[in-house]
Amino acid sequence: MKREEVTEQQFPLGVFPVFFREYIQECNKTLGFSVDYMGCSLLWLTSLAVGNTIKVSPKTGYVDICSVWIAVVGSPGVGKTPSVKAIIRPLMDLNYDMIENYNQSRKEYDEAIKKDKKSELPEPIRSQMVVGDITLESLADIHQNRPQGIGVFKDELAGWFKDMNKYNKNGGGIVTGK
């Protein structure tokens, strides 16, 4: 059997609105950022924005949510991180603001509780859209406060795999020979 020859393909930017297409093309032209890495990052960001709000029914009686997993792979120094961050920076800024707002609210709440055991302030709830350095247990806790979904962003794929076993004596169910 003869294998099909693979030819270089461009990311199908036509799937995005004009604003995003032009932004990606301009970043590619002026900064040398990868169209492929930026396009994949925009797909991930879009999936995070949609979250669990849309469900699919691939067959009668079965409804499920869609999850998008993207791993951007390339040789060291090809510009993966700058290309990805050019797309997700607004999301990361918003996520940072959510964390800062929680930290401030938590501080105010804790001070109010110290002064008056029956403070009228509601206990703040930690919510964020993106996590990075996290255990699976912590991810589950954060997901309870954001049922529409959480994005996991790791700068290195190896770090994502390592997080799956973090703080788990038995390696998260992965069986290894001894």
Protein backbone atom coordinates (compact mmCIF):
# COMPACT_ATOMS: atom_id res chain seq x y z
CA MET A 1 0.00 0.00 0.00
CA LYS A 2 1.37 3.39 -0.99
CA ARG A 3 1.26 6.17 1.60
CA GLU A 4 -0.34 9.46 0.73
CA GLU A 5 2.20 12.24 0.37
CA VAL A 6 1.77 14.98 2.93
CA THR A 7 2.10 18.50 1.59
CA GLU A 8 2.49 21.62 3.66
CA GLN A 9 -0.86 23.17 4.45
CA GLN A 10 -1.83 26.57 5.77
CA PHE A 11 -4.09 26.99 8.78
CA PRO A 12 -7.62 27.67 7.44
CA LEU A 13 -7.88 31.28 8.64
CA GLY A 14 -11.15 31.61 6.72
CA VAL A 15 -12.97 29.98 9.64
CA PHE A 16 -12.38 33.13 11.73
CA PRO A 17 -14.04 36.55 11.48
CA VAL A 18 -12.16 39.19 9.48
CA PHE A 19 -10.81 40.98 12.58
CA PHE A 20 -9.04 37.83 13.83
CA ARG A 21 -7.79 36.85 10.38
CA GLU A 22 -6.27 40.29 9.87
CA TYR A 23 -4.74 40.32 13.37
CA ILE A 24 -3.12 36.91 12.86
CA GLN A 25 -1.84 37.86 9.40
CA GLU A 26 -0.42 41.15 10.69
CA CYS A 27 1.33 39.43 13.62
CA ASN A 28 2.77 36.93 11.16
CA LYS A 29 3.94 39.61 8.75
CA THR A 30 5.37 42.09 11.26
CA LEU A 31 6.48 39.88 14.16
CA GLY A 32 7.03 36.55 12.46
CA PHE A 33 4.48 34.78 14.67
CA SER A 34 3.19 31.44 13.47
CA VAL A 35 -0.22 31.47 11.80
CA ASP A 36 -0.68 27.83 12.83
CA TYR A 37 0.12 28.40 16.50
CA MET A 38 -2.03 31.51 16.66
CA GLY A 39 -4.94 29.80 14.88
CA CYS A 40 -4.84 26.82 17.25
CA SER A 41 -4.69 29.19 20.21
CA LEU A 42 -7.73 31.08 18.97
CA LEU A 43 -9.64 27.79 18.64
CA TRP A 44 -8.73 26.97 22.26
CA LEU A 45 -9.74 30.44 23.46
CA THR A 46 -13.05 30.18 21.59
CA SER A 47 -13.77 26.77 23.09
CA LEU A 48 -13.10 28.18 26.53
CA ALA A 49 -15.45 31.11 25.88
CA VAL A 50 -18.21 28.74 24.75
CA GLY A 51 -17.47 26.29 27.54
CA ASN A 52 -20.18 23.84 28.49
CA THR A 53 -22.97 26.10 27.22
CA ILE A 54 -23.42 24.10 24.03
CA LYS A 55 -24.10 20.40 23.97
CA VAL A 56 -24.07 17.96 21.08
CA SER A 57 -26.21 14.92 20.43
CA PRO A 58 -24.26 12.58 18.15
CA LYS A 59 -26.99 9.96 18.45
CA THR A 60 -30.53 9.80 19.78
CA GLY A 61 -30.65 9.78 23.55
CA TYR A 62 -27.02 10.75 24.02
CA VAL A 63 -26.01 14.31 24.86
CA ASP A 64 -22.47 15.38 25.61
CA ILE A 65 -20.33 18.49 25.91
CA CYS A 66 -17.37 19.12 23.65
CA SER A 67 -13.86 19.49 25.00
CA VAL A 68 -10.97 20.87 23.01
CA TRP A 69 -7.45 19.67 23.78
CA ILE A 70 -4.65 21.36 21.88
CA ALA A 71 -0.94 20.72 22.14
CA VAL A 72 1.24 23.12 20.18
CA VAL A 73 4.38 21.20 19.26
CA GLY A 74 7.49 22.55 17.59
CA SER A 75 11.24 22.71 17.87
CA PRO A 76 12.77 24.95 20.55
CA GLY A 77 13.08 28.57 19.49
CA VAL A 78 10.45 28.55 16.73
CA GLY A 79 8.25 31.05 18.56
CA LYS A 80 5.51 28.88 20.03
CA THR A 81 5.07 30.86 23.24
CA PRO A 82 5.02 34.36 21.71
CA SER A 83 2.57 33.21 19.03
CA VAL A 84 0.22 31.64 21.57
CA LYS A 85 0.42 34.55 24.00
CA ALA A 86 -0.37 37.06 21.23
CA ILE A 87 -3.81 35.46 21.08
CA ILE A 88 -4.55 34.56 24.69
CA ARG A 89 -3.16 37.67 26.42
CA PRO A 90 -6.61 39.34 26.83
CA LEU A 91 -7.98 36.16 28.37
CA MET A 92 -5.01 35.85 30.71
CA ASP A 93 -5.39 39.51 31.75
CA LEU A 94 -9.07 38.94 32.54
CA ASN A 95 -8.19 35.77 34.44
CA TYR A 96 -5.56 37.68 36.45
CA ASP A 97 -8.17 40.34 37.30
CA MET A 98 -10.59 37.63 38.48
CA ILE A 99 -7.91 36.21 40.79
CA GLU A 100 -6.98 39.65 42.11
CA ASN A 101 -10.65 40.52 42.74
CA TYR A 102 -11.09 37.27 44.67
CA ASN A 103 -7.94 37.91 46.72
CA GLN A 104 -9.14 41.42 47.60
CA SER A 105 -12.66 40.21 48.45
CA ARG A 106 -11.22 37.38 50.56
CA LYS A 107 -9.02 39.83 52.46
CA GLU A 108 -11.99 42.14 53.15
CA TYR A 109 -14.15 39.19 54.18
CA ASP A 110 -11.52 37.77 56.54
CA GLU A 111 -11.03 41.19 58.15
CA ALA A 112 -14.79 41.60 58.58
CA ILE A 113 -15.08 38.16 60.18
CA LYS A 114 -12.27 39.00 62.62
CA LYS A 115 -14.12 42.16 63.67
CA ASP A 116 -17.60 40.67 63.71
CA LYS A 117 -18.20 36.91 63.71
CA LYS A 118 -21.55 37.50 61.95
CA SER A 119 -20.39 39.66 59.07
CA GLU A 120 -23.02 40.48 56.45
CA LEU A 121 -20.47 40.16 53.68
CA PRO A 122 -20.99 37.02 51.61
CA GLU A 123 -18.01 34.68 51.57
CA PRO A 124 -16.16 35.23 48.30
CA ILE A 125 -16.06 32.42 45.78
CA ARG A 126 -12.88 31.84 43.83
CA SER A 127 -13.52 31.74 40.12
CA GLN A 128 -11.11 31.76 37.25
CA MET A 129 -11.14 30.70 33.63
CA VAL A 130 -7.57 29.48 33.22
CA VAL A 131 -5.26 27.54 35.48
CA GLY A 132 -1.62 26.64 35.07
CA ASP A 133 0.39 25.01 37.83
CA ILE A 134 -2.30 22.91 39.46
CA THR A 135 -3.11 19.47 40.78
CA LEU A 136 -6.08 17.51 39.46
CA GLU A 137 -7.68 17.77 42.89
CA SER A 138 -7.41 21.58 42.89
CA LEU A 139 -8.71 21.69 39.33
CA ALA A 140 -11.83 19.80 40.43
CA ASP A 141 -12.37 22.29 43.28
CA ILE A 142 -12.03 25.31 40.98
CA HIS A 143 -14.31 23.69 38.40
CA GLN A 144 -17.10 23.53 41.01
CA ASN A 145 -17.09 27.34 41.03
CA ARG A 146 -16.98 27.59 37.24
CA PRO A 147 -19.14 24.81 35.84
CA GLN A 148 -19.02 26.30 32.32
CA GLY A 149 -15.43 25.08 32.09
CA ILE A 150 -11.79 25.73 32.91
CA GLY A 151 -8.87 26.08 30.55
CA VAL A 152 -5.54 24.55 31.48
CA PHE A 153 -2.60 26.44 30.03
CA LYS A 154 0.89 25.05 30.36
CA ASP A 155 3.89 26.52 28.61
CA GLU A 156 5.44 23.05 28.35
CA LEU A 157 3.62 19.83 27.46
CA ALA A 158 5.88 17.82 29.78
CA GLY A 159 4.69 20.01 32.67
CA TRP A 160 1.08 19.16 31.90
CA PHE A 161 1.83 15.44 32.09
CA LYS A 162 3.80 15.90 35.31
CA ASP A 163 0.86 17.75 36.88
CA MET A 164 -1.30 14.67 36.40
CA ASN A 165 0.86 12.87 38.97
CA LYS A 166 1.56 15.81 41.24
CA TYR A 167 1.22 15.06 44.94
CA ASN A 168 -0.10 11.59 44.21
CA LYS A 169 1.89 8.74 45.71
CA ASN A 170 0.45 6.21 43.27
CA GLY A 171 0.99 8.32 40.17
CA GLY A 172 -2.64 9.09 39.42
CA GLY A 173 -3.46 5.51 38.50
CA ILE A 174 -0.61 5.13 36.04
CA VAL A 175 0.95 1.73 36.57
CA THR A 176 4.73 1.59 36.49
CA GLY A 177 7.01 -1.40 36.84
CA LYS A 178 9.03 -1.75 40.03
